[in-house]
Amino acid sequence: MGAQIRVYRQKIASTTSMQKIFKAMELIATSRIGKARTRVSASLPYSNAITRAVSAVASQSEVDHPLTTEPDSIRRAAVLVMTSDRGLAGSYSASILKQAEHLIELLHSEGKDVTTYLVGRKAQAYFEFRGRDYERVWTGGTDAPEFETARELREVLLEDFATDFEDGGVDEIHVVYTQFKSMVVQEPTVIRLLPLEVVEEEIESSTDLLPLYDYEPAPEEVLDALLPRYIESRIFSALLQAAASELAARQRAMKSAGDNASDLIKKYTRLRNNARQAEITQELSEIVAGADALNAS
């Protein structure tokens, strides 16, 4: 009986230690998510402005640009998957990988080859564990992305998009990331990045008229300058939203883990008290039995 009490004491001590870790990680995620949301909001004015400019140029001029022209046939597609570097974020990375798998299956069913690009160690581990190939991976800082990462992603993706199919190039590019809607709702999202479909999801009023521009130099040269920046802006926006979603998922997961640890501590404490009560009752029974035996003799 004493050994059983020691086991419960050890479980209470270890669970209490884990609870402190969960609480610390919850507080860290809570403190970081405010900054992540601020970065998402701060990126919107530039993203909206360049989106409006690209929309105006593309809609007001008859320009046959490589990034906006739909190819005759799409034979190979690139999929950029954005997950996290670390775990302890609930089903955050698993939801993204599931969404990516659905997209890859859909592309294969359409007869397209798929080239995969990964962001985050979770995606890298997922593909390597299953022995599946990927083109490149970017790791480090998924919960605090840098603009240089978006620039590098843009350069790699645009280079492969400009390469012929026979030389290993791609005909379209998709991005799978988590859209941050609120602290409670984060939604796995798929967007087609190229060929360009100019959308303006983040502009507050959809009834605003696009400005009229006079182009100097020609619209083609304006698009040559604007489109890479637009692609870069969309990739960076996806990275920021994914970072905010990761931190929100981690904060919820750690709070849930802390609550479960509290319940376990209460359960083990009750079981320890029951074991101690049973031990005391047994000792009293043995004393009474011994006294009765002495009296009878």
C-alpha atoms as a PDB file:
ATOM      1  CA  MET A   1       0.000   0.000   0.000  1.00  0.00           C
ATOM      2  CA  GLY A   2       2.858   2.382   0.784  1.00  0.00           C
ATOM      3  CA  ALA A   3       4.361   1.719  -2.664  1.00  0.00           C
ATOM      4  CA  GLN A   4       1.047   2.682  -4.264  1.00  0.00           C
ATOM      5  CA  ILE A   5       1.043   5.996  -2.389  1.00  0.00           C
ATOM      6  CA  ARG A   6       4.597   6.694  -3.584  1.00  0.00           C
ATOM      7  CA  VAL A   7       3.529   6.033  -7.186  1.00  0.00           C
ATOM      8  CA  TYR A   8       0.689   8.543  -6.902  1.00  0.00           C
ATOM      9  CA  ARG A   9       3.005  11.115  -5.323  1.00  0.00           C
ATOM     10  CA  GLN A  10       5.442  10.728  -8.223  1.00  0.00           C
ATOM     11  CA  LYS A  11       2.625  11.119 -10.744  1.00  0.00           C
ATOM     12  CA  ILE A  12       1.367  14.258  -8.976  1.00  0.00           C
ATOM     13  CA  ALA A  13       4.877  15.746  -8.955  1.00  0.00           C
ATOM     14  CA  SER A  14       5.540  14.998 -12.644  1.00  0.00           C
ATOM     15  CA  THR A  15       2.114  16.256 -13.736  1.00  0.00           C
ATOM     16  CA  THR A  16       2.582  19.454 -11.707  1.00  0.00           C
ATOM     17  CA  SER A  17       5.920  20.012 -13.425  1.00  0.00           C
ATOM     18  CA  MET A  18       4.341  19.524 -16.846  1.00  0.00           C
ATOM     19  CA  GLN A  19       1.503  21.868 -15.914  1.00  0.00           C
ATOM     20  CA  LYS A  20       4.036  24.623 -15.198  1.00  0.00           C
ATOM     21  CA  ILE A  21       5.606  24.073 -18.631  1.00  0.00           C
ATOM     22  CA  PHE A  22       2.197  24.209 -20.333  1.00  0.00           C
ATOM     23  CA  LYS A  23       1.341  27.424 -18.488  1.00  0.00           C
ATOM     24  CA  ALA A  24       4.656  29.021 -19.455  1.00  0.00           C
ATOM     25  CA  MET A  25       4.183  28.109 -23.131  1.00  0.00           C
ATOM     26  CA  GLU A  26       0.619  29.414 -23.054  1.00  0.00           C
ATOM     27  CA  LEU A  27       1.829  32.751 -21.683  1.00  0.00           C
ATOM     28  CA  ILE A  28       4.605  32.944 -24.297  1.00  0.00           C
ATOM     29  CA  ALA A  29       2.158  32.259 -27.133  1.00  0.00           C
ATOM     30  CA  THR A  30      -0.295  34.793 -25.701  1.00  0.00           C
ATOM     31  CA  SER A  31       2.381  37.480 -25.539  1.00  0.00           C
ATOM     32  CA  ARG A  32       3.577  36.802 -29.095  1.00  0.00           C
ATOM     33  CA  ILE A  33       0.193  36.603 -30.757  1.00  0.00           C
ATOM     34  CA  GLY A  34      -0.480  40.282 -30.134  1.00  0.00           C
ATOM     35  CA  LYS A  35       2.627  41.208 -32.114  1.00  0.00           C
ATOM     36  CA  ALA A  36       1.720  38.711 -34.841  1.00  0.00           C
ATOM     37  CA  ARG A  37      -1.756  40.213 -35.243  1.00  0.00           C
ATOM     38  CA  THR A  38      -0.244  43.693 -35.348  1.00  0.00           C
ATOM     39  CA  ARG A  39       2.089  42.616 -38.158  1.00  0.00           C
ATOM     40  CA  VAL A  40      -0.866  41.195 -40.105  1.00  0.00           C
ATOM     41  CA  SER A  41      -2.767  44.469 -39.743  1.00  0.00           C
ATOM     42  CA  ALA A  42       0.312  46.550 -40.581  1.00  0.00           C
ATOM     43  CA  SER A  43       0.850  44.634 -43.832  1.00  0.00           C
ATOM     44  CA  LEU A  44      -2.660  45.330 -45.126  1.00  0.00           C
ATOM     45  CA  PRO A  45      -2.237  48.960 -46.363  1.00  0.00           C
ATOM     46  CA  TYR A  46       0.697  48.072 -48.630  1.00  0.00           C
ATOM     47  CA  SER A  47      -0.957  44.821 -49.737  1.00  0.00           C
ATOM     48  CA  ASN A  48      -4.211  46.617 -50.534  1.00  0.00           C
ATOM     49  CA  ALA A  49      -2.457  49.455 -52.375  1.00  0.00           C
ATOM     50  CA  ILE A  50      -0.385  47.210 -54.629  1.00  0.00           C
ATOM     51  CA  THR A  51      -3.410  44.953 -55.218  1.00  0.00           C
ATOM     52  CA  ARG A  52      -5.437  47.959 -56.383  1.00  0.00           C
ATOM     53  CA  ALA A  53      -2.603  49.076 -58.648  1.00  0.00           C
ATOM     54  CA  VAL A  54      -2.206  45.634 -60.234  1.00  0.00           C
ATOM     55  CA  SER A  55      -5.983  45.278 -60.584  1.00  0.00           C
ATOM     56  CA  ALA A  56      -6.212  48.651 -62.323  1.00  0.00           C
ATOM     57  CA  VAL A  57      -3.385  47.930 -64.751  1.00  0.00           C
ATOM     58  CA  ALA A  58      -4.584  44.414 -65.541  1.00  0.00           C
ATOM     59  CA  SER A  59      -8.235  45.395 -66.019  1.00  0.00           C
ATOM     60  CA  GLN A  60      -7.739  48.670 -67.916  1.00  0.00           C
ATOM     61  CA  SER A  61      -5.184  47.496 -70.438  1.00  0.00           C
ATOM     62  CA  GLU A  62      -5.089  44.633 -72.907  1.00  0.00           C
ATOM     63  CA  VAL A  63      -1.744  43.244 -71.796  1.00  0.00           C
ATOM     64  CA  ASP A  64      -0.563  39.726 -72.639  1.00  0.00           C
ATOM     65  CA  HIS A  65       1.774  39.198 -69.690  1.00  0.00           C
ATOM     66  CA  PRO A  66       3.332  35.774 -68.885  1.00  0.00           C
ATOM     67  CA  LEU A  67       2.192  35.947 -65.249  1.00  0.00           C
ATOM     68  CA  THR A  68      -1.433  36.741 -66.126  1.00  0.00           C
ATOM     69  CA  THR A  69      -1.897  34.538 -69.189  1.00  0.00           C
ATOM     70  CA  GLU A  70      -3.544  31.150 -68.754  1.00  0.00           C
ATOM     71  CA  PRO A  71      -1.453  28.472 -70.523  1.00  0.00           C
ATOM     72  CA  ASP A  72      -3.016  26.247 -73.164  1.00  0.00           C
ATOM     73  CA  SER A  73      -2.393  23.174 -71.019  1.00  0.00           C
ATOM     74  CA  ILE A  74      -1.208  22.775 -67.437  1.00  0.00           C
ATOM     75  CA  ARG A  75       1.094  19.783 -67.135  1.00  0.00           C
ATOM     76  CA  ARG A  76       2.918  20.461 -63.859  1.00  0.00           C
ATOM     77  CA  ALA A  77       1.753  22.375 -60.777  1.00  0.00           C
ATOM     78  CA  ALA A  78       3.754  23.633 -57.812  1.00  0.00           C
ATOM     79  CA  VAL A  79       2.302  23.447 -54.308  1.00  0.00           C
ATOM     80  CA  LEU A  80       3.768  25.582 -51.508  1.00  0.00           C
ATOM     81  CA  VAL A  81       2.791  24.137 -48.097  1.00  0.00           C
ATOM     82  CA  MET A  82       3.165  26.349 -44.999  1.00  0.00           C
ATOM     83  CA  THR A  83       3.326  24.525 -41.655  1.00  0.00           C
ATOM     84  CA  SER A  84       5.106  25.196 -38.351  1.00  0.00           C
ATOM     85  CA  ASP A  85       8.624  24.445 -37.157  1.00  0.00           C
ATOM     86  CA  ARG A  86       7.501  23.218 -33.726  1.00  0.00           C
ATOM     87  CA  GLY A  87       4.701  21.112 -32.365  1.00  0.00           C
ATOM     88  CA  LEU A  88       2.489  21.604 -29.310  1.00  0.00           C
ATOM     89  CA  ALA A  89       0.005  23.534 -31.462  1.00  0.00           C
ATOM     90  CA  GLY A  90      -2.863  21.073 -31.550  1.00  0.00           C
ATOM     91  CA  SER A  91      -3.925  20.024 -35.047  1.00  0.00           C
ATOM     92  CA  TYR A  92      -2.504  23.147 -36.721  1.00  0.00           C
ATOM     93  CA  SER A  93       0.097  21.450 -38.944  1.00  0.00           C
ATOM     94  CA  ALA A  94      -2.002  18.306 -39.397  1.00  0.00           C
ATOM     95  CA  SER A  95      -4.900  20.354 -40.812  1.00  0.00           C
ATOM     96  CA  ILE A  96      -2.614  22.087 -43.318  1.00  0.00           C
ATOM     97  CA  LEU A  97      -1.024  18.803 -44.411  1.00  0.00           C
ATOM     98  CA  LYS A  98      -4.462  17.234 -44.827  1.00  0.00           C
ATOM     99  CA  GLN A  99      -5.547  20.181 -46.995  1.00  0.00           C
ATOM    100  CA  ALA A 100      -2.340  19.875 -49.028  1.00  0.00           C
ATOM    101  CA  GLU A 101      -2.920  16.152 -49.551  1.00  0.00           C
ATOM    102  CA  HIS A 102      -6.439  16.842 -50.870  1.00  0.00           C
ATOM    103  CA  LEU A 103      -5.046  19.435 -53.288  1.00  0.00           C
ATOM    104  CA  ILE A 104      -2.261  17.116 -54.491  1.00  0.00           C
ATOM    105  CA  GLU A 105      -4.771  14.294 -55.059  1.00  0.00           C
ATOM    106  CA  LEU A 106      -6.991  16.677 -57.023  1.00  0.00           C
ATOM    107  CA  LEU A 107      -4.106  17.830 -59.210  1.00  0.00           C
ATOM    108  CA  HIS A 108      -3.031  14.223 -59.849  1.00  0.00           C
ATOM    109  CA  SER A 109      -6.609  13.307 -60.784  1.00  0.00           C
ATOM    110  CA  GLU A 110      -6.475  16.089 -63.404  1.00  0.00           C
ATOM    111  CA  GLY A 111      -3.385  14.499 -64.915  1.00  0.00           C
ATOM    112  CA  LYS A 112      -0.898  17.055 -63.584  1.00  0.00           C
ATOM    113  CA  ASP A 113       2.540  16.407 -62.130  1.00  0.00           C
ATOM    114  CA  VAL A 114       3.098  18.053 -58.738  1.00  0.00           C
ATOM    115  CA  THR A 115       6.253  19.725 -57.435  1.00  0.00           C
ATOM    116  CA  THR A 116       6.168  20.456 -53.713  1.00  0.00           C
ATOM    117  CA  TYR A 117       7.811  23.303 -51.797  1.00  0.00           C
ATOM    118  CA  LEU A 118       7.703  23.242 -48.007  1.00  0.00           C
ATOM    119  CA  VAL A 119       7.802  25.814 -45.221  1.00  0.00           C
ATOM    120  CA  GLY A 120       8.321  24.462 -41.690  1.00  0.00           C
ATOM    121  CA  ARG A 121       9.975  21.413 -40.155  1.00  0.00           C
ATOM    122  CA  LYS A 122       6.631  19.664 -39.616  1.00  0.00           C
ATOM    123  CA  ALA A 123       6.002  19.506 -43.372  1.00  0.00           C
ATOM    124  CA  GLN A 124       9.603  18.386 -43.954  1.00  0.00           C
ATOM    125  CA  ALA A 125       9.288  15.580 -41.387  1.00  0.00           C
ATOM    126  CA  TYR A 126       5.919  14.523 -42.842  1.00  0.00           C
ATOM    127  CA  PHE A 127       7.269  14.141 -46.381  1.00  0.00           C
ATOM    128  CA  GLU A 128      10.580  12.577 -45.368  1.00  0.00           C
ATOM    129  CA  PHE A 129       8.896  10.019 -43.090  1.00  0.00           C
ATOM    130  CA  ARG A 130       6.763   8.875 -46.038  1.00  0.00           C
ATOM    131  CA  GLY A 131       9.704   8.881 -48.434  1.00  0.00           C
ATOM    132  CA  ARG A 132       8.150  11.519 -50.688  1.00  0.00           C
ATOM    133  CA  ASP A 133      10.156  13.993 -52.706  1.00  0.00           C
ATOM    134  CA  TYR A 134      10.007  17.766 -52.382  1.00  0.00           C
ATOM    135  CA  GLU A 135      11.847  20.480 -54.271  1.00  0.00           C
ATOM    136  CA  ARG A 136      12.964  22.822 -51.465  1.00  0.00           C
ATOM    137  CA  VAL A 137      12.249  23.521 -47.818  1.00  0.00           C
ATOM    138  CA  TRP A 138      12.462  26.675 -45.716  1.00  0.00           C
ATOM    139  CA  THR A 139      12.707  26.249 -41.936  1.00  0.00           C
ATOM    140  CA  GLY A 140      13.182  28.529 -38.943  1.00  0.00           C
ATOM    141  CA  GLY A 141      11.008  31.375 -37.711  1.00  0.00           C
ATOM    142  CA  THR A 142       7.577  30.180 -38.839  1.00  0.00           C
ATOM    143  CA  ASP A 143       6.034  31.959 -35.821  1.00  0.00           C
ATOM    144  CA  ALA A 144       7.904  35.195 -36.684  1.00  0.00           C
ATOM    145  CA  PRO A 145       8.488  35.238 -40.466  1.00  0.00           C
ATOM    146  CA  GLU A 146      10.931  37.635 -42.089  1.00  0.00           C
ATOM    147  CA  PHE A 147      10.323  39.513 -45.323  1.00  0.00           C
ATOM    148  CA  GLU A 148      13.530  38.046 -46.758  1.00  0.00           C
ATOM    149  CA  THR A 149      11.899  34.609 -46.641  1.00  0.00           C
ATOM    150  CA  ALA A 150       8.979  35.859 -48.750  1.00  0.00           C
ATOM    151  CA  ARG A 151      11.429  37.450 -51.195  1.00  0.00           C
ATOM    152  CA  GLU A 152      13.392  34.218 -51.529  1.00  0.00           C
ATOM    153  CA  LEU A 153      10.195  32.223 -52.025  1.00  0.00           C
ATOM    154  CA  ARG A 154       9.084  34.659 -54.710  1.00  0.00           C
ATOM    155  CA  GLU A 155      12.398  34.411 -56.556  1.00  0.00           C
ATOM    156  CA  VAL A 156      12.407  30.603 -56.516  1.00  0.00           C
ATOM    157  CA  LEU A 157       8.757  30.240 -57.537  1.00  0.00           C
ATOM    158  CA  LEU A 158       8.926  32.849 -60.309  1.00  0.00           C
ATOM    159  CA  GLU A 159      12.116  31.266 -61.668  1.00  0.00           C
ATOM    160  CA  ASP A 160      10.466  27.840 -61.836  1.00  0.00           C
ATOM    161  CA  PHE A 161       7.310  29.359 -63.335  1.00  0.00           C
ATOM    162  CA  ALA A 162       9.357  31.005 -66.075  1.00  0.00           C
ATOM    163  CA  THR A 163      11.167  27.717 -66.848  1.00  0.00           C
ATOM    164  CA  ASP A 164       9.857  25.481 -69.628  1.00  0.00           C
ATOM    165  CA  PHE A 165       8.072  22.277 -68.695  1.00  0.00           C
ATOM    166  CA  GLU A 166      10.743  20.182 -70.435  1.00  0.00           C
ATOM    167  CA  ASP A 167      13.407  21.766 -68.203  1.00  0.00           C
ATOM    168  CA  GLY A 168      11.510  21.053 -64.979  1.00  0.00           C
ATOM    169  CA  GLY A 169       9.399  24.212 -64.840  1.00  0.00           C
ATOM    170  CA  VAL A 170       5.828  24.535 -63.574  1.00  0.00           C
ATOM    171  CA  ASP A 171       2.687  25.896 -65.243  1.00  0.00           C
ATOM    172  CA  GLU A 172       0.797  27.003 -62.134  1.00  0.00           C
ATOM    173  CA  ILE A 173       1.522  27.645 -58.446  1.00  0.00           C
ATOM    174  CA  HIS A 174      -0.751  26.992 -55.452  1.00  0.00           C
ATOM    175  CA  VAL A 175      -0.225  28.053 -51.831  1.00  0.00           C
ATOM    176  CA  VAL A 176      -1.650  26.138 -48.861  1.00  0.00           C
ATOM    177  CA  TYR A 177      -1.641  28.117 -45.604  1.00  0.00           C
ATOM    178  CA  THR A 178      -3.816  28.896 -42.573  1.00  0.00           C
ATOM    179  CA  GLN A 179      -5.894  32.052 -42.748  1.00  0.00           C
ATOM    180  CA  PHE A 180      -6.197  33.853 -39.414  1.00  0.00           C
ATOM    181  CA  LYS A 181      -9.789  34.978 -38.876  1.00  0.00           C
ATOM    182  CA  SER A 182      -9.949  35.279 -35.093  1.00  0.00           C
ATOM    183  CA  MET A 183      -8.415  33.856 -31.941  1.00  0.00           C
ATOM    184  CA  VAL A 184     -10.880  30.981 -32.172  1.00  0.00           C
ATOM    185  CA  VAL A 185     -11.109  30.441 -35.934  1.00  0.00           C
ATOM    186  CA  GLN A 186      -8.147  29.668 -38.189  1.00  0.00           C
ATOM    187  CA  GLU A 187      -9.033  28.172 -41.547  1.00  0.00           C
ATOM    188  CA  PRO A 188      -6.782  26.113 -43.852  1.00  0.00           C
ATOM    189  CA  THR A 189      -6.856  27.902 -47.204  1.00  0.00           C
ATOM    190  CA  VAL A 190      -5.718  27.194 -50.759  1.00  0.00           C
ATOM    191  CA  ILE A 191      -5.022  30.003 -53.238  1.00  0.00           C
ATOM    192  CA  ARG A 192      -3.739  29.839 -56.791  1.00  0.00           C
ATOM    193  CA  LEU A 193      -0.838  32.245 -56.956  1.00  0.00           C
ATOM    194  CA  LEU A 194       0.061  31.922 -60.639  1.00  0.00           C
ATOM    195  CA  PRO A 195      -1.157  32.375 -63.343  1.00  0.00           C
ATOM    196  CA  LEU A 196      -2.362  35.523 -61.675  1.00  0.00           C
ATOM    197  CA  GLU A 197      -5.983  35.922 -60.685  1.00  0.00           C
ATOM    198  CA  VAL A 198      -6.094  39.416 -59.231  1.00  0.00           C
ATOM    199  CA  VAL A 199      -8.328  39.373 -56.168  1.00  0.00           C
ATOM    200  CA  GLU A 200      -8.752  41.992 -53.519  1.00  0.00           C
ATOM    201  CA  GLU A 201     -10.036  40.127 -50.510  1.00  0.00           C
ATOM    202  CA  GLU A 202      -8.707  42.505 -47.910  1.00  0.00           C
ATOM    203  CA  ILE A 203     -10.042  45.815 -49.248  1.00  0.00           C
ATOM    204  CA  GLU A 204     -12.728  47.024 -46.905  1.00  0.00           C
ATOM    205  CA  SER A 205     -15.183  48.317 -49.499  1.00  0.00           C
ATOM    206  CA  SER A 206     -15.668  46.204 -52.585  1.00  0.00           C
ATOM    207  CA  THR A 207     -17.675  49.017 -54.203  1.00  0.00           C
ATOM    208  CA  ASP A 208     -14.650  51.345 -54.482  1.00  0.00           C
ATOM    209  CA  LEU A 209     -13.837  52.213 -58.067  1.00  0.00           C
ATOM    210  CA  LEU A 210     -10.368  51.421 -59.299  1.00  0.00           C
ATOM    211  CA  PRO A 211      -8.295  54.519 -60.118  1.00  0.00           C
ATOM    212  CA  LEU A 212      -7.579  55.470 -63.717  1.00  0.00           C
ATOM    213  CA  TYR A 213      -3.883  55.525 -64.591  1.00  0.00           C
ATOM    214  CA  ASP A 214      -1.833  57.015 -67.378  1.00  0.00           C
ATOM    215  CA  TYR A 215       1.017  54.605 -68.042  1.00  0.00           C
ATOM    216  CA  GLU A 216       4.536  55.794 -68.576  1.00  0.00           C
ATOM    217  CA  PRO A 217       6.296  53.661 -69.683  1.00  0.00           C
ATOM    218  CA  ALA A 218       3.988  51.093 -71.300  1.00  0.00           C
ATOM    219  CA  PRO A 219       1.564  48.929 -69.233  1.00  0.00           C
ATOM    220  CA  GLU A 220       3.759  45.886 -69.905  1.00  0.00           C
ATOM    221  CA  GLU A 221       6.710  47.514 -68.151  1.00  0.00           C
ATOM    222  CA  VAL A 222       4.495  48.635 -65.274  1.00  0.00           C
ATOM    223  CA  LEU A 223       3.310  45.052 -64.787  1.00  0.00           C
ATOM    224  CA  ASP A 224       6.890  43.794 -65.019  1.00  0.00           C
ATOM    225  CA  ALA A 225       7.690  46.008 -62.020  1.00  0.00           C
ATOM    226  CA  LEU A 226       4.463  45.517 -60.049  1.00  0.00           C
ATOM    227  CA  LEU A 227       3.683  41.812 -60.416  1.00  0.00           C
ATOM    228  CA  PRO A 228       6.799  40.441 -58.657  1.00  0.00           C
ATOM    229  CA  ARG A 229       6.119  42.818 -55.758  1.00  0.00           C
ATOM    230  CA  TYR A 230       2.479  41.741 -55.731  1.00  0.00           C
ATOM    231  CA  ILE A 231       3.446  38.052 -55.599  1.00  0.00           C
ATOM    232  CA  GLU A 232       5.953  38.840 -52.840  1.00  0.00           C
ATOM    233  CA  SER A 233       3.275  40.719 -50.910  1.00  0.00           C
ATOM    234  CA  ARG A 234       0.806  37.832 -51.120  1.00  0.00           C
ATOM    235  CA  ILE A 235       3.400  35.287 -49.992  1.00  0.00           C
ATOM    236  CA  PHE A 236       4.439  37.470 -47.052  1.00  0.00           C
ATOM    237  CA  SER A 237       0.788  38.018 -46.097  1.00  0.00           C
ATOM    238  CA  ALA A 238       0.254  34.231 -46.113  1.00  0.00           C
ATOM    239  CA  LEU A 239       3.351  33.759 -43.911  1.00  0.00           C
ATOM    240  CA  LEU A 240       2.112  36.380 -41.423  1.00  0.00           C
ATOM    241  CA  GLN A 241      -1.367  34.878 -41.258  1.00  0.00           C
ATOM    242  CA  ALA A 242       0.110  31.412 -40.817  1.00  0.00           C
ATOM    243  CA  ALA A 243       2.292  32.691 -37.958  1.00  0.00           C
ATOM    244  CA  ALA A 244      -0.674  34.288 -36.166  1.00  0.00           C
ATOM    245  CA  SER A 245      -2.694  31.097 -36.660  1.00  0.00           C
ATOM    246  CA  GLU A 246       0.143  28.945 -35.309  1.00  0.00           C
ATOM    247  CA  LEU A 247       0.458  31.035 -32.141  1.00  0.00           C
ATOM    248  CA  ALA A 248      -3.318  31.072 -31.599  1.00  0.00           C
ATOM    249  CA  ALA A 249      -3.443  27.281 -32.035  1.00  0.00           C
ATOM    250  CA  ARG A 250      -0.522  26.836 -29.627  1.00  0.00           C
ATOM    251  CA  GLN A 251      -2.127  29.101 -27.023  1.00  0.00           C
ATOM    252  CA  ARG A 252      -5.364  27.088 -27.152  1.00  0.00           C
ATOM    253  CA  ALA A 253      -3.529  23.763 -27.096  1.00  0.00           C
ATOM    254  CA  MET A 254      -1.414  24.740 -24.077  1.00  0.00           C
ATOM    255  CA  LYS A 255      -4.451  26.031 -22.187  1.00  0.00           C
ATOM    256  CA  SER A 256      -6.267  22.776 -22.868  1.00  0.00           C
ATOM    257  CA  ALA A 257      -3.192  20.774 -21.797  1.00  0.00           C
ATOM    258  CA  GLY A 258      -2.916  22.824 -18.580  1.00  0.00           C
ATOM    259  CA  ASP A 259      -6.588  22.229 -17.793  1.00  0.00           C
ATOM    260  CA  ASN A 260      -6.167  18.498 -18.394  1.00  0.00           C
ATOM    261  CA  ALA A 261      -3.114  18.482 -16.117  1.00  0.00           C
ATOM    262  CA  SER A 262      -5.184  20.110 -13.354  1.00  0.00           C
ATOM    263  CA  ASP A 263      -7.824  17.406 -13.725  1.00  0.00           C
ATOM    264  CA  LEU A 264      -5.146  14.692 -13.553  1.00  0.00           C
ATOM    265  CA  ILE A 265      -3.631  16.222 -10.419  1.00  0.00           C
ATOM    266  CA  LYS A 266      -7.066  16.219  -8.748  1.00  0.00           C
ATOM    267  CA  LYS A 267      -7.624  12.610  -9.812  1.00  0.00           C
ATOM    268  CA  TYR A 268      -4.211  11.410  -8.554  1.00  0.00           C
ATOM    269  CA  THR A 269      -4.649  13.352  -5.302  1.00  0.00           C
ATOM    270  CA  ARG A 270      -7.995  11.651  -4.684  1.00  0.00           C
ATOM    271  CA  LEU A 271      -6.540   8.223  -5.467  1.00  0.00           C
ATOM    272  CA  ARG A 272      -3.566   8.913  -3.175  1.00  0.00           C
ATOM    273  CA  ASN A 273      -5.897   9.946  -0.355  1.00  0.00           C
ATOM    274  CA  ASN A 274      -7.999   6.831  -0.922  1.00  0.00           C
ATOM    275  CA  ALA A 275      -4.886   4.648  -0.784  1.00  0.00           C
ATOM    276  CA  ARG A 276      -3.702   6.388   2.377  1.00  0.00           C
ATOM    277  CA  GLN A 277      -7.145   5.976   3.962  1.00  0.00           C
ATOM    278  CA  ALA A 278      -7.137   2.282   3.081  1.00  0.00           C
ATOM    279  CA  GLU A 279      -3.652   1.895   4.586  1.00  0.00           C
ATOM    280  CA  ILE A 280      -4.725   3.563   7.859  1.00  0.00           C
ATOM    281  CA  THR A 281      -7.881   1.431   7.990  1.00  0.00           C
ATOM    282  CA  GLN A 282      -5.813  -1.734   7.466  1.00  0.00           C
ATOM    283  CA  GLU A 283      -3.371  -0.746  10.226  1.00  0.00           C
ATOM    284  CA  LEU A 284      -6.244  -0.054  12.635  1.00  0.00           C
ATOM    285  CA  SER A 285      -7.823  -3.397  11.773  1.00  0.00           C
ATOM    286  CA  GLU A 286      -4.528  -5.184  12.456  1.00  0.00           C
ATOM    287  CA  ILE A 287      -4.149  -3.396  15.842  1.00  0.00           C
ATOM    288  CA  VAL A 288      -7.707  -4.269  16.868  1.00  0.00           C
ATOM    289  CA  ALA A 289      -7.250  -7.865  15.750  1.00  0.00           C
ATOM    290  CA  GLY A 290      -4.011  -8.132  17.722  1.00  0.00           C
ATOM    291  CA  ALA A 291      -5.651  -6.685  20.853  1.00  0.00           C
ATOM    292  CA  ASP A 292      -8.552  -9.091  20.546  1.00  0.00           C
ATOM    293  CA  ALA A 293      -6.130 -11.996  20.198  1.00  0.00           C
ATOM    294  CA  LEU A 294      -4.259 -10.951  23.366  1.00  0.00           C
ATOM    295  CA  ASN A 295      -7.504 -10.612  25.313  1.00  0.00           C
ATOM    296  CA  ALA A 296      -8.673 -14.019  24.177  1.00  0.00           C
ATOM    297  CA  SER A 297      -5.406 -15.628  25.288  1.00  0.00           C
END
